[in-house]
């Protein structure tokens, strides 16, 4: 696994400063968090899987933070959206059976969704599909506060699952006693840092759809969401467990409708066409090198460090 510090603003500045650079642009679908309301992204996944063939999606990048990382993973590993909906409904049902819902029970309720997903594919095949195409953001806690980190190129299911416990960890809500650790450092939900809130696979992708959950989360300057639920959903509503399978489906339908509008828009078609033809990519030499590092696992950008983690390292 590779872990890298990143800055959304630096990425935007790099892109804007190289308007005449050449190279092949990549499509990146970026999912924000949203807790249970992140079920809206289920509809985005459903739309993409229904309207773009697998060989096209296999050439795209997917990145997410918090609950959004689950849906990014589904697209990267070609996980059937209907099965994901079943897993989500099962998790909601289990949460409703507990007085406190998912509070203090993240690993064995919502975390089970990830475990069930990755259990459907042999480890070697899963790592191959995710390599160079999937990343998630989390916040590393240090003496200077929270700093955004990007994790990618995982080498095992254990490593991948531990990263998911980090990207979705909300202190006290997820656990009363322990905090996940990544590379030996305490880690929490990526939405606690502005850059982590909108992970762009920095310096690697110039064509992306940023799916935002509730706009109450911080957002870096210069980021305009392409798919967003309006009016915004209050943060408290995001943590409310769906009352039924029908509610899970209805929330997904909102995302599907929003995705249908965006992916049929002129804005998307212009960016997608540019990416497909490899023109107007806006990538400098440094961004191409960074993009290569994601695929190769060797980075010269930011502050990379080799990572190692084990299943349930967080002990939640």
Protein backbone atom coordinates (compact mmCIF):
# COMPACT_ATOMS: atom_id res chain seq x y z
CA UNK A 1 0.00 0.00 0.00
CA UNK A 2 1.13 3.52 -0.70
CA UNK A 3 0.19 6.51 1.44
CA UNK A 4 0.67 10.03 0.19
CA UNK A 5 0.06 13.52 1.50
CA UNK A 6 -1.91 15.68 -0.88
CA UNK A 7 -3.44 19.09 -1.43
CA UNK A 8 -6.47 19.72 -3.62
CA UNK A 9 -5.48 23.34 -4.13
CA UNK A 10 -1.99 22.37 -5.29
CA UNK A 11 -3.58 19.97 -7.75
CA UNK A 12 -5.87 22.65 -9.15
CA UNK A 13 -2.97 25.11 -9.39
CA UNK A 14 -0.89 22.54 -11.28
CA UNK A 15 -3.69 21.87 -13.74
CA UNK A 16 -4.38 25.55 -14.34
CA UNK A 17 -0.72 26.43 -14.82
CA UNK A 18 -0.25 23.99 -17.70
CA UNK A 19 -3.06 24.72 -20.18
CA UNK A 20 -1.02 23.66 -23.20
CA UNK A 21 0.46 20.46 -21.86
CA UNK A 22 -0.20 17.28 -23.75
CA UNK A 23 -0.91 13.78 -22.56
CA UNK A 24 -3.80 11.42 -22.06
CA UNK A 25 -6.39 12.61 -19.57
CA UNK A 26 -8.03 10.18 -17.18
CA UNK A 27 -11.60 10.02 -16.00
CA UNK A 28 -11.91 9.99 -12.24
CA UNK A 29 -15.19 9.59 -10.39
CA UNK A 30 -14.81 11.04 -6.90
CA UNK A 31 -17.29 10.27 -4.12
CA UNK A 32 -17.66 12.41 -1.02
CA UNK A 33 -18.97 11.05 2.29
CA UNK A 34 -22.48 11.20 3.65
CA UNK A 35 -22.95 8.29 6.11
CA UNK A 36 -26.29 6.56 5.43
CA UNK A 37 -27.27 9.33 3.00
CA UNK A 38 -24.35 8.14 0.93
CA UNK A 39 -26.88 5.61 -0.32
CA UNK A 40 -27.59 8.27 -2.92
CA UNK A 41 -24.36 7.15 -4.57
CA UNK A 42 -25.90 3.72 -5.08
CA UNK A 43 -27.90 5.31 -7.89
CA UNK A 44 -24.75 6.83 -9.41
CA UNK A 45 -23.12 3.40 -9.44
CA UNK A 46 -26.26 1.90 -10.95
CA UNK A 47 -26.38 4.50 -13.72
CA UNK A 48 -22.72 4.09 -14.64
CA UNK A 49 -22.88 0.30 -14.70
CA UNK A 50 -26.00 0.44 -16.86
CA UNK A 51 -24.76 3.03 -19.38
CA UNK A 52 -21.01 2.38 -19.70
CA UNK A 53 -19.62 -1.06 -20.65
CA UNK A 54 -17.17 -2.74 -18.31
CA UNK A 55 -14.25 -2.27 -20.68
CA UNK A 56 -14.81 1.52 -20.54
CA UNK A 57 -15.16 1.67 -16.75
CA UNK A 58 -12.02 -0.45 -16.45
CA UNK A 59 -10.07 2.48 -17.85
CA UNK A 60 -11.35 4.94 -15.26
CA UNK A 61 -10.17 5.84 -11.75
CA UNK A 62 -12.39 5.80 -8.69
CA UNK A 63 -11.72 7.51 -5.39
CA UNK A 64 -13.82 8.01 -2.29
CA UNK A 65 -13.88 9.14 1.29
CA UNK A 66 -15.91 7.83 4.20
CA UNK A 67 -19.09 6.13 2.96
CA UNK A 68 -18.27 7.25 -0.58
CA UNK A 69 -15.26 4.93 -0.61
CA UNK A 70 -17.63 1.96 -0.58
CA UNK A 71 -19.24 3.03 -3.85
CA UNK A 72 -15.88 3.86 -5.44
CA UNK A 73 -14.78 0.34 -4.53
CA UNK A 74 -17.90 -1.14 -6.13
CA UNK A 75 -17.12 0.53 -9.44
CA UNK A 76 -13.43 -0.33 -9.33
CA UNK A 77 -14.03 -4.03 -8.63
CA UNK A 78 -17.10 -4.27 -10.90
CA UNK A 79 -19.34 -5.25 -8.02
CA UNK A 80 -23.00 -5.72 -9.05
CA UNK A 81 -25.08 -2.80 -7.83
CA UNK A 82 -28.08 -4.99 -6.97
CA UNK A 83 -25.93 -7.09 -4.65
CA UNK A 84 -24.54 -3.93 -3.07
CA UNK A 85 -28.10 -2.75 -2.46
CA UNK A 86 -28.86 -6.03 -0.67
CA UNK A 87 -25.78 -5.63 1.53
CA UNK A 88 -26.78 -2.06 2.34
CA UNK A 89 -30.34 -3.10 3.23
CA UNK A 90 -29.02 -5.91 5.44
CA UNK A 91 -26.73 -3.49 7.27
CA UNK A 92 -29.58 -1.03 7.78
CA UNK A 93 -31.80 -3.81 9.13
CA UNK A 94 -29.09 -4.87 11.56
CA UNK A 95 -28.58 -1.27 12.68
CA UNK A 96 -32.30 -0.83 13.32
CA UNK A 97 -32.25 -3.84 15.61
CA UNK A 98 -29.83 -2.04 17.95
CA UNK A 99 -31.00 0.80 20.17
CA UNK A 100 -28.03 2.96 19.16
CA UNK A 101 -28.03 1.91 15.51
CA UNK A 102 -24.50 1.85 14.12
CA UNK A 103 -23.12 3.91 17.00
CA UNK A 104 -20.07 2.16 18.45
CA UNK A 105 -20.67 -0.75 16.07
CA UNK A 106 -19.16 0.35 12.76
CA UNK A 107 -16.96 -2.68 12.11
CA UNK A 108 -19.63 -5.30 12.65
CA UNK A 109 -22.48 -3.42 10.95
CA UNK A 110 -21.46 -1.07 8.16
CA UNK A 111 -17.98 -2.59 8.01
CA UNK A 112 -19.64 -5.89 7.18
CA UNK A 113 -20.65 -4.43 3.82
CA UNK A 114 -16.99 -4.11 2.86
CA UNK A 115 -16.12 -7.54 4.21
CA UNK A 116 -18.98 -9.09 2.23
CA UNK A 117 -17.91 -7.27 -0.95
CA UNK A 118 -14.26 -8.26 -0.86
CA UNK A 119 -15.15 -11.84 0.10
CA UNK A 120 -16.70 -12.34 -3.34
CA UNK A 121 -13.37 -12.14 -5.15
CA UNK A 122 -10.01 -13.89 -4.70
CA UNK A 123 -7.44 -11.59 -3.11
CA UNK A 124 -5.01 -11.63 -6.03
CA UNK A 125 -7.72 -10.76 -8.55
CA UNK A 126 -9.13 -8.00 -6.33
CA UNK A 127 -5.73 -6.37 -5.85
CA UNK A 128 -5.13 -6.55 -9.61
CA UNK A 129 -8.38 -4.77 -10.38
CA UNK A 130 -7.80 -2.04 -7.81
CA UNK A 131 -4.14 -1.40 -8.60
CA UNK A 132 -3.71 2.04 -10.12
CA UNK A 133 -7.47 2.62 -10.29
CA UNK A 134 -8.80 2.91 -6.74
CA UNK A 135 -7.85 5.13 -3.82
CA UNK A 136 -9.45 6.39 -0.64
CA UNK A 137 -8.81 9.43 1.53
CA UNK A 138 -8.56 9.62 5.30
CA UNK A 139 -7.29 12.09 7.89
CA UNK A 140 -4.09 11.38 9.77
CA UNK A 141 -3.95 12.75 13.32
CA UNK A 142 -0.64 14.28 14.39
CA UNK A 143 0.72 16.92 16.74
CA UNK A 144 -0.17 19.59 14.19
CA UNK A 145 -3.75 18.44 13.78
CA UNK A 146 -5.47 16.47 11.03
CA UNK A 147 -3.80 16.10 7.62
CA UNK A 148 -5.29 14.63 4.45
CA UNK A 149 -3.80 11.36 3.23
CA UNK A 150 -4.46 9.25 0.16
CA UNK A 151 -4.07 5.44 0.30
CA UNK A 152 -3.83 3.30 -2.83
CA UNK A 153 -2.23 0.24 -4.41
CA UNK A 154 -3.23 -2.10 -1.60
CA UNK A 155 -1.52 -5.48 -1.38
CA UNK A 156 -4.04 -7.47 0.66
CA UNK A 157 -7.67 -7.57 1.73
CA UNK A 158 -6.55 -6.96 5.31
CA UNK A 159 -4.77 -3.79 4.30
CA UNK A 160 -7.78 -2.63 2.28
CA UNK A 161 -10.25 -3.27 5.09
CA UNK A 162 -8.10 -1.47 7.63
CA UNK A 163 -8.04 1.57 5.33
CA UNK A 164 -11.84 1.47 5.21
CA UNK A 165 -12.04 1.53 9.01
CA UNK A 166 -9.89 4.66 8.88
CA UNK A 167 -11.74 6.54 6.17
CA UNK A 168 -15.08 6.00 7.92
CA UNK A 169 -14.02 6.47 11.54
CA UNK A 170 -15.96 9.15 13.42
CA UNK A 171 -14.52 9.51 16.96
CA UNK A 172 -16.83 8.18 19.70
CA UNK A 173 -19.58 7.44 17.18
CA UNK A 174 -17.59 4.62 15.61
CA UNK A 175 -15.86 3.50 18.78
CA UNK A 176 -15.71 4.63 22.40
CA UNK A 177 -12.21 3.36 23.01
CA UNK A 178 -9.98 2.97 19.98
CA UNK A 179 -8.99 4.82 16.84
CA UNK A 180 -7.79 3.08 13.64
CA UNK A 181 -4.11 3.35 12.76
CA UNK A 182 -2.57 3.71 9.31
CA UNK A 183 1.20 3.52 9.01
CA UNK A 184 1.40 3.66 12.79
CA UNK A 185 -0.54 6.93 13.03
CA UNK A 186 -4.01 7.50 14.43
CA UNK A 187 -6.51 8.06 11.63
CA UNK A 188 -10.08 9.31 11.33
CA UNK A 189 -12.69 10.00 8.67
CA UNK A 190 -11.33 11.87 5.67
CA UNK A 191 -14.11 14.46 5.79
CA UNK A 192 -12.48 16.05 8.83
CA UNK A 193 -10.01 17.73 6.47
CA UNK A 194 -11.11 19.89 3.55
CA UNK A 195 -8.76 18.15 1.10
CA UNK A 196 -9.78 14.71 2.32
CA UNK A 197 -13.41 15.72 1.91
CA UNK A 198 -12.93 16.01 -1.86
CA UNK A 199 -10.30 13.46 -2.90
CA UNK A 200 -9.32 14.06 -6.52
CA UNK A 201 -6.47 11.59 -6.97
CA UNK A 202 -4.41 14.77 -7.00
CA UNK A 203 -2.23 15.50 -10.01
CA UNK A 204 -3.56 12.40 -11.71
CA UNK A 205 -7.03 13.19 -12.96
CA UNK A 206 -8.38 16.20 -14.77
CA UNK A 207 -11.73 14.78 -15.79
CA UNK A 208 -13.84 13.83 -12.85
CA UNK A 209 -17.32 13.80 -11.42
CA UNK A 210 -17.33 14.96 -7.84
CA UNK A 211 -20.32 13.43 -6.08
CA UNK A 212 -21.03 15.42 -2.97
CA UNK A 213 -23.20 14.48 -0.06
CA UNK A 214 -24.48 17.13 2.35
CA UNK A 215 -22.91 20.53 1.59
CA UNK A 216 -22.36 21.07 5.32
CA UNK A 217 -18.94 19.44 4.91
CA UNK A 218 -15.99 21.75 4.20
CA UNK A 219 -15.08 22.14 0.56
CA UNK A 220 -11.77 23.43 -0.88
CA UNK A 221 -11.88 26.64 -2.88
CA UNK A 222 -12.26 26.00 -6.60
CA UNK A 223 -14.23 22.77 -6.28
CA UNK A 224 -17.67 22.79 -7.88
CA UNK A 225 -19.67 19.59 -7.38
CA UNK A 226 -21.03 18.01 -10.54
CA UNK A 227 -23.57 15.81 -8.80
CA UNK A 228 -25.09 17.13 -5.61
CA UNK A 229 -28.36 16.67 -3.79
CA UNK A 230 -30.17 19.99 -3.37
CA UNK A 231 -31.50 21.25 -1.11
CA UNK A 232 -28.75 19.96 1.14
CA UNK A 233 -29.51 17.26 3.67
CA UNK A 234 -28.79 18.24 7.30
CA UNK A 235 -25.81 16.45 8.78
CA UNK A 236 -28.00 14.88 11.45
CA UNK A 237 -30.18 13.32 8.75
CA UNK A 238 -27.14 11.69 7.16
CA UNK A 239 -26.61 9.54 10.25
CA UNK A 240 -30.25 8.47 10.44
CA UNK A 241 -30.55 4.77 9.66
CA UNK A 242 -32.91 4.05 6.72
CA UNK A 243 -36.28 2.97 8.07
CA UNK A 244 -36.85 0.31 5.40
CA UNK A 245 -35.51 -1.31 2.25
CA UNK A 246 -37.85 0.98 0.32
CA UNK A 247 -36.09 4.02 1.76
CA UNK A 248 -32.71 2.64 0.71
CA UNK A 249 -34.02 2.18 -2.82
CA UNK A 250 -35.65 5.64 -2.87
CA UNK A 251 -32.41 7.32 -1.80
CA UNK A 252 -30.56 5.49 -4.57
CA UNK A 253 -33.14 6.64 -7.10
CA UNK A 254 -32.30 10.25 -6.22
CA UNK A 255 -28.68 9.59 -7.14
CA UNK A 256 -29.65 7.78 -10.33
CA UNK A 257 -31.79 10.71 -11.47
CA UNK A 258 -29.02 13.22 -10.72
CA UNK A 259 -26.48 11.04 -12.53
CA UNK A 260 -28.72 10.80 -15.59
CA UNK A 261 -28.86 14.59 -15.81
CA UNK A 262 -25.13 15.13 -15.36
CA UNK A 263 -23.82 12.36 -17.61
CA UNK A 264 -26.07 13.60 -20.42
CA UNK A 265 -24.86 17.19 -19.99
CA UNK A 266 -22.64 19.15 -22.35
CA UNK A 267 -20.18 19.72 -19.50
CA UNK A 268 -19.59 16.01 -19.02
CA UNK A 269 -19.52 15.15 -22.73
CA UNK A 270 -16.90 17.79 -23.42
CA UNK A 271 -14.66 16.54 -20.62
CA UNK A 272 -15.22 12.89 -21.45
CA UNK A 273 -14.50 13.45 -25.14
CA UNK A 274 -11.29 15.28 -24.26
CA UNK A 275 -10.22 12.40 -22.06
CA UNK A 276 -11.08 9.75 -24.63
CA UNK A 277 -9.13 11.52 -27.36
CA UNK A 278 -6.23 12.50 -25.16
CA UNK A 279 -6.53 16.22 -25.95
CA UNK A 280 -6.73 19.26 -23.70
CA UNK A 281 -5.63 17.09 -20.78
CA UNK A 282 -3.97 19.98 -18.93
CA UNK A 283 -1.37 17.65 -17.47
CA UNK A 284 2.15 18.86 -16.71
CA UNK A 285 5.18 16.57 -16.62
CA UNK A 286 4.85 16.34 -12.85
CA UNK A 287 1.20 15.32 -13.01
CA UNK A 288 1.97 12.62 -15.55
CA UNK A 289 4.73 11.33 -13.28
CA UNK A 290 2.34 11.32 -10.32
CA UNK A 291 -0.28 9.49 -12.36
CA UNK A 292 2.33 6.89 -13.24
CA UNK A 293 3.21 6.51 -9.55
CA UNK A 294 -0.35 5.51 -8.73
CA UNK A 295 -0.12 2.67 -11.21
CA UNK A 296 3.42 1.62 -10.40
CA UNK A 297 3.31 2.04 -6.65
CA UNK A 298 6.49 4.17 -6.71
CA UNK A 299 5.87 7.80 -5.93
CA UNK A 300 8.10 10.85 -6.14
CA UNK A 301 5.26 13.19 -5.25
CA UNK A 302 4.27 14.40 -1.79
CA UNK A 303 5.48 12.39 1.18
CA UNK A 304 4.94 8.73 0.38
CA UNK A 305 5.66 6.05 2.91
CA UNK A 306 5.31 2.31 2.69
CA UNK A 307 2.33 1.04 4.61
CA UNK A 308 1.44 -2.12 6.40
CA UNK A 309 -1.72 -2.90 8.26
CA UNK A 310 -3.66 -5.93 9.43
CA UNK A 311 -7.33 -6.78 9.51
CA UNK A 312 -8.93 -5.14 12.57
CA UNK A 313 -5.68 -3.33 13.38
CA UNK A 314 -7.92 -0.59 14.73
CA UNK A 315 -9.39 -3.02 17.23
CA UNK A 316 -12.81 -1.36 16.98
